[in-house]
């Protein structure tokens, strides 16, 4: 067998491997570019939707100072470091926030232990 033919065969084989590697690399770069574009589009859409939702929010100011001053004068707990709200003050604050009065309370258990 001719040594030049073997050398030519090895050169063709090495060239084929190199070409396959470069083609695979180009395909991977293209896939990464598509993923980056999709991420950019999704990120921009999410930011736009969030900005639109935030722009629809209305600022509401509800004053409960008269009730608060009354309770502060009556209940000396606000002078302590604990500053625990009595139930009537929590109801006033929650009504100003628009939160139902029974929110956060657990239902009674059905078990008769």
N, C-alpha and C. Protein backbone atom coordinates (compact mmCIF):
# COMPACT_ATOMS: atom_id res chain seq x y z
N UNK A 1 0.84 -1.16 0.00
CA UNK A 1 0.00 0.00 0.00
C UNK A 1 0.90 1.23 0.00
N UNK A 2 0.43 2.23 -0.70
CA UNK A 2 1.19 3.45 -0.88
C UNK A 2 1.13 4.30 0.41
N UNK A 3 2.28 4.72 0.96
CA UNK A 3 2.26 5.52 2.19
C UNK A 3 1.59 6.89 1.99
N UNK A 4 1.63 7.40 0.75
CA UNK A 4 0.97 8.67 0.49
C UNK A 4 -0.55 8.54 0.54
N UNK A 5 -1.03 7.39 0.12
CA UNK A 5 -2.47 7.15 0.17
C UNK A 5 -2.91 7.07 1.63
N UNK A 6 -2.10 6.42 2.47
CA UNK A 6 -2.44 6.33 3.90
C UNK A 6 -2.40 7.73 4.52
N UNK A 7 -1.38 8.49 4.18
CA UNK A 7 -1.27 9.85 4.68
C UNK A 7 -2.43 10.71 4.21
N UNK A 8 -2.83 10.57 2.97
CA UNK A 8 -3.96 11.32 2.43
C UNK A 8 -5.25 10.90 3.14
N UNK A 9 -5.41 9.62 3.40
CA UNK A 9 -6.60 9.13 4.12
C UNK A 9 -6.67 9.69 5.53
N UNK A 10 -5.52 9.71 6.22
CA UNK A 10 -5.48 10.26 7.58
C UNK A 10 -5.77 11.77 7.54
N UNK A 11 -5.26 12.45 6.53
CA UNK A 11 -5.51 13.89 6.40
C UNK A 11 -6.99 14.16 6.13
N UNK A 12 -7.61 13.36 5.28
CA UNK A 12 -9.05 13.51 5.01
C UNK A 12 -9.84 13.22 6.27
N UNK A 13 -9.47 12.19 7.00
CA UNK A 13 -10.17 11.83 8.24
C UNK A 13 -10.03 12.97 9.26
N UNK A 14 -8.82 13.52 9.42
CA UNK A 14 -8.60 14.62 10.37
C UNK A 14 -9.37 15.87 9.92
N UNK A 15 -9.40 16.13 8.64
CA UNK A 15 -10.16 17.27 8.12
C UNK A 15 -11.65 17.10 8.37
N UNK A 16 -12.15 15.89 8.21
CA UNK A 16 -13.56 15.61 8.46
C UNK A 16 -13.89 15.81 9.94
N UNK A 17 -13.03 15.33 10.82
CA UNK A 17 -13.26 15.53 12.26
C UNK A 17 -13.26 17.02 12.61
N UNK A 18 -12.31 17.76 12.06
CA UNK A 18 -12.24 19.18 12.35
C UNK A 18 -13.49 19.90 11.83
N UNK A 19 -13.92 19.57 10.61
CA UNK A 19 -15.11 20.20 10.04
C UNK A 19 -16.36 19.87 10.87
N UNK A 20 -16.48 18.62 11.32
CA UNK A 20 -17.61 18.23 12.14
C UNK A 20 -17.59 18.99 13.47
N UNK A 21 -16.41 19.16 14.05
CA UNK A 21 -16.28 19.91 15.29
C UNK A 21 -16.71 21.36 15.10
N UNK A 22 -16.24 21.98 14.04
CA UNK A 22 -16.59 23.38 13.77
C UNK A 22 -18.07 23.54 13.48
N UNK A 23 -18.66 22.61 12.75
CA UNK A 23 -20.10 22.68 12.47
C UNK A 23 -20.89 22.53 13.77
N UNK A 24 -20.48 21.60 14.59
CA UNK A 24 -21.15 21.42 15.89
C UNK A 24 -21.01 22.66 16.77
N UNK A 25 -19.84 23.26 16.73
CA UNK A 25 -19.62 24.47 17.50
C UNK A 25 -20.52 25.60 17.00
N UNK A 26 -20.64 25.75 15.68
CA UNK A 26 -21.50 26.79 15.12
C UNK A 26 -22.96 26.54 15.48
N UNK A 27 -23.38 25.28 15.46
CA UNK A 27 -24.75 24.94 15.83
C UNK A 27 -25.00 25.29 17.30
N UNK A 28 -24.04 25.00 18.15
CA UNK A 28 -24.20 25.31 19.57
C UNK A 28 -24.24 26.81 19.81
N UNK A 29 -23.40 27.57 19.12
CA UNK A 29 -23.43 29.02 19.24
C UNK A 29 -24.77 29.58 18.78
N UNK A 30 -25.32 29.05 17.71
CA UNK A 30 -26.62 29.50 17.21
C UNK A 30 -27.72 29.18 18.21
N UNK A 31 -27.67 27.98 18.82
CA UNK A 31 -28.68 27.61 19.82
C UNK A 31 -28.58 28.52 21.04
N UNK A 32 -27.37 28.83 21.47
CA UNK A 32 -27.19 29.73 22.61
C UNK A 32 -27.71 31.12 22.28
N UNK A 33 -27.47 31.59 21.07
CA UNK A 33 -27.96 32.91 20.67
C UNK A 33 -29.49 32.94 20.67
N UNK A 34 -30.12 31.84 20.20
CA UNK A 34 -31.59 31.77 20.23
C UNK A 34 -32.10 31.79 21.66
N UNK A 35 -31.44 31.05 22.56
CA UNK A 35 -31.86 31.04 23.96
C UNK A 35 -31.68 32.42 24.60
N UNK A 36 -30.57 33.10 24.30
CA UNK A 36 -30.34 34.43 24.84
C UNK A 36 -31.41 35.41 24.34
N UNK A 37 -31.77 35.30 23.08
CA UNK A 37 -32.81 36.18 22.53
C UNK A 37 -34.15 35.90 23.20
N UNK A 38 -34.46 34.63 23.42
CA UNK A 38 -35.73 34.28 24.08
C UNK A 38 -35.75 34.80 25.52
N UNK A 39 -34.64 34.68 26.21
CA UNK A 39 -34.56 35.18 27.59
C UNK A 39 -34.72 36.69 27.61
N UNK A 40 -34.10 37.39 26.69
CA UNK A 40 -34.22 38.84 26.62
C UNK A 40 -35.65 39.26 26.34
N UNK A 41 -36.31 38.58 25.42
CA UNK A 41 -37.70 38.90 25.10
C UNK A 41 -38.60 38.64 26.31
N UNK A 42 -38.41 37.51 26.97
CA UNK A 42 -39.23 37.18 28.14
C UNK A 42 -38.97 38.15 29.28
N UNK A 43 -37.73 38.53 29.48
CA UNK A 43 -37.39 39.47 30.55
C UNK A 43 -38.01 40.84 30.28
N UNK A 44 -37.93 41.29 29.05
CA UNK A 44 -38.53 42.58 28.70
C UNK A 44 -40.05 42.54 28.85
N UNK A 45 -40.66 41.43 28.46
CA UNK A 45 -42.11 41.30 28.59
C UNK A 45 -42.52 41.28 30.06
N UNK A 46 -41.77 40.59 30.89
CA UNK A 46 -42.08 40.54 32.32
C UNK A 46 -41.92 41.91 32.95
N UNK A 47 -40.86 42.62 32.60
CA UNK A 47 -40.65 43.96 33.15
C UNK A 47 -41.75 44.91 32.70
N UNK A 48 -42.16 44.79 31.45
CA UNK A 48 -43.23 45.63 30.94
C UNK A 48 -44.55 45.33 31.64
N UNK A 49 -44.85 44.05 31.85
CA UNK A 49 -46.09 43.67 32.53
C UNK A 49 -46.07 44.14 33.98
N UNK A 50 -44.93 44.02 34.64
CA UNK A 50 -44.83 44.48 36.02
C UNK A 50 -44.99 45.99 36.10
N UNK A 51 -44.37 46.71 35.18
CA UNK A 51 -44.49 48.17 35.17
C UNK A 51 -45.93 48.59 34.91
N UNK A 52 -46.61 47.88 34.02
CA UNK A 52 -48.01 48.19 33.72
C UNK A 52 -48.88 47.92 34.94
N UNK A 53 -48.64 46.81 35.63
CA UNK A 53 -49.44 46.48 36.82
C UNK A 53 -49.16 47.48 37.94
N UNK A 54 -47.92 47.89 38.10
CA UNK A 54 -47.58 48.86 39.14
C UNK A 54 -48.22 50.21 38.83
N UNK A 55 -48.27 50.57 37.54
CA UNK A 55 -48.85 51.87 37.18
C UNK A 55 -50.35 51.93 37.45
N UNK A 56 -51.01 50.77 37.53
CA UNK A 56 -52.44 50.74 37.80
C UNK A 56 -52.77 50.85 39.29
N UNK A 57 -51.77 50.68 40.17
CA UNK A 57 -52.01 50.76 41.60
C UNK A 57 -52.40 52.17 42.00
N UNK A 58 -53.34 52.25 42.91
CA UNK A 58 -53.77 53.54 43.41
C UNK A 58 -53.29 53.69 44.85
N UNK A 59 -52.80 54.87 45.16
CA UNK A 59 -52.37 55.15 46.51
C UNK A 59 -53.59 55.63 47.29
N UNK A 60 -53.87 54.96 48.38
CA UNK A 60 -55.00 55.34 49.21
C UNK A 60 -54.47 55.69 50.60
N UNK A 61 -54.89 56.82 51.07
CA UNK A 61 -54.49 57.24 52.41
C UNK A 61 -55.73 57.26 53.28
N UNK A 62 -55.69 56.45 54.31
CA UNK A 62 -56.79 56.38 55.25
C UNK A 62 -56.25 56.76 56.61
N UNK A 63 -56.88 57.70 57.22
CA UNK A 63 -56.39 58.19 58.50
C UNK A 63 -57.21 57.58 59.63
N UNK A 64 -56.52 56.98 60.56
CA UNK A 64 -57.16 56.41 61.75
C UNK A 64 -56.58 57.06 62.99
N UNK A 65 -56.13 58.29 62.85
CA UNK A 65 -55.44 58.93 63.97
C UNK A 65 -56.35 59.18 65.16
N UNK A 66 -57.61 59.55 64.92
CA UNK A 66 -58.46 59.85 66.06
C UNK A 66 -58.68 58.60 66.91
N UNK A 67 -58.92 57.47 66.25
CA UNK A 67 -59.08 56.22 67.00
C UNK A 67 -57.76 55.84 67.67
N UNK A 68 -56.67 56.04 66.99
CA UNK A 68 -55.37 55.67 67.54
C UNK A 68 -55.02 56.54 68.75
N UNK A 69 -55.25 57.85 68.65
CA UNK A 69 -54.95 58.73 69.78
C UNK A 69 -55.80 58.37 71.00
N UNK A 70 -57.05 58.04 70.73
CA UNK A 70 -57.95 57.67 71.82
C UNK A 70 -57.44 56.41 72.53
N UNK A 71 -57.04 55.43 71.75
CA UNK A 71 -56.57 54.17 72.34
C UNK A 71 -55.23 54.37 73.02
N UNK A 72 -54.38 55.21 72.46
CA UNK A 72 -53.07 55.45 73.07
C UNK A 72 -53.23 56.11 74.43
N UNK A 73 -54.18 57.02 74.57
CA UNK A 73 -54.42 57.66 75.86
C UNK A 73 -55.00 56.67 76.87
N UNK A 74 -55.84 55.75 76.38
CA UNK A 74 -56.52 54.84 77.29
C UNK A 74 -55.65 53.65 77.69
N UNK A 75 -54.81 53.17 76.78
CA UNK A 75 -54.05 51.94 77.01
C UNK A 75 -52.58 52.30 77.19
N UNK A 76 -52.02 52.08 78.38
CA UNK A 76 -50.62 52.45 78.61
C UNK A 76 -49.62 51.48 77.99
N UNK A 77 -50.08 50.45 77.29
CA UNK A 77 -49.16 49.46 76.72
C UNK A 77 -48.27 50.09 75.64
N UNK A 78 -48.73 51.20 75.02
CA UNK A 78 -47.92 51.84 74.00
C UNK A 78 -46.72 52.58 74.58
N UNK A 79 -46.69 52.72 75.86
CA UNK A 79 -45.55 53.37 76.49
C UNK A 79 -44.45 52.36 76.79
N UNK A 80 -44.77 51.07 76.71
CA UNK A 80 -43.79 50.01 76.96
C UNK A 80 -43.00 49.72 75.69
N UNK A 81 -41.96 48.96 75.83
CA UNK A 81 -41.15 48.58 74.68
C UNK A 81 -41.84 47.51 73.83
N UNK A 82 -42.78 46.75 74.42
CA UNK A 82 -43.46 45.68 73.68
C UNK A 82 -44.38 46.24 72.60
N UNK A 83 -45.13 47.30 72.93
CA UNK A 83 -46.02 47.97 72.00
C UNK A 83 -46.97 47.00 71.32
N UNK A 84 -47.69 46.21 72.08
CA UNK A 84 -48.64 45.24 71.54
C UNK A 84 -49.98 45.94 71.33
N UNK A 85 -50.56 45.74 70.16
CA UNK A 85 -51.85 46.36 69.85
C UNK A 85 -52.99 45.61 70.52
N UNK A 86 -53.95 46.32 71.11
CA UNK A 86 -55.16 45.63 71.57
C UNK A 86 -56.02 45.27 70.36
N UNK A 87 -56.98 44.41 70.56
CA UNK A 87 -57.81 43.91 69.45
C UNK A 87 -58.55 45.04 68.77
N UNK A 88 -59.04 46.03 69.52
CA UNK A 88 -59.79 47.13 68.90
C UNK A 88 -58.90 47.96 67.97
N UNK A 89 -57.63 48.15 68.35
CA UNK A 89 -56.72 48.90 67.49
C UNK A 89 -56.35 48.10 66.25
N UNK A 90 -56.15 46.81 66.41
CA UNK A 90 -55.88 45.98 65.23
C UNK A 90 -57.05 46.00 64.26
N UNK A 91 -58.28 45.99 64.80
CA UNK A 91 -59.45 46.07 63.92
C UNK A 91 -59.48 47.40 63.19
N UNK A 92 -59.13 48.50 63.88
CA UNK A 92 -59.11 49.82 63.23
C UNK A 92 -58.04 49.88 62.15
N UNK A 93 -56.88 49.33 62.43
CA UNK A 93 -55.80 49.33 61.43
C UNK A 93 -56.18 48.45 60.25
N UNK A 94 -56.72 47.27 60.51
CA UNK A 94 -57.11 46.37 59.43
C UNK A 94 -58.26 46.94 58.61
N UNK A 95 -59.20 47.65 59.24
CA UNK A 95 -60.29 48.24 58.46
C UNK A 95 -59.75 49.35 57.57
N UNK A 96 -58.74 50.08 58.04
CA UNK A 96 -58.13 51.11 57.21
C UNK A 96 -57.38 50.48 56.04
N UNK A 97 -56.80 49.33 56.26
CA UNK A 97 -56.08 48.63 55.19
C UNK A 97 -57.02 47.87 54.27
N UNK A 98 -58.26 47.70 54.66
CA UNK A 98 -59.21 46.96 53.84
C UNK A 98 -59.13 45.46 54.06
N UNK A 99 -58.57 45.05 55.18
CA UNK A 99 -58.42 43.64 55.49
C UNK A 99 -59.62 43.21 56.33
N UNK A 100 -60.25 42.08 56.02
CA UNK A 100 -61.38 41.64 56.84
C UNK A 100 -60.96 41.43 58.29
N UNK A 101 -61.91 41.61 59.19
CA UNK A 101 -61.61 41.54 60.62
C UNK A 101 -61.20 40.14 61.06
N UNK A 102 -61.71 39.09 60.40
CA UNK A 102 -61.41 37.73 60.85
C UNK A 102 -60.23 37.11 60.12
N UNK A 103 -59.50 37.90 59.35
CA UNK A 103 -58.36 37.36 58.61
C UNK A 103 -57.26 36.93 59.58
N UNK A 104 -56.75 35.76 59.37
CA UNK A 104 -55.67 35.27 60.20
C UNK A 104 -56.13 34.44 61.37
N UNK A 105 -57.43 34.39 61.62
CA UNK A 105 -57.92 33.58 62.73
C UNK A 105 -58.14 32.16 62.24
N UNK A 106 -57.79 31.23 63.05
CA UNK A 106 -57.96 29.82 62.70
C UNK A 106 -59.39 29.38 62.96
N UNK A 107 -59.95 28.53 62.11
CA UNK A 107 -61.29 28.02 62.39
C UNK A 107 -61.27 27.07 63.57
N UNK A 108 -62.41 26.93 64.20
CA UNK A 108 -62.50 26.02 65.35
C UNK A 108 -62.29 24.60 64.86
N UNK A 109 -61.63 23.81 65.69
CA UNK A 109 -61.39 22.41 65.29
C UNK A 109 -62.66 21.62 65.48
N UNK A 110 -62.85 20.60 64.68
CA UNK A 110 -64.04 19.76 64.75
C UNK A 110 -63.88 18.62 65.72
N UNK A 111 -62.69 18.45 66.26
CA UNK A 111 -62.45 17.31 67.15
C UNK A 111 -62.98 17.62 68.55
N UNK A 112 -63.62 16.67 69.14
CA UNK A 112 -64.13 16.81 70.52
C UNK A 112 -63.23 16.01 71.44
N UNK A 113 -62.09 16.59 71.78
CA UNK A 113 -61.14 15.88 72.64
C UNK A 113 -61.41 16.16 74.09
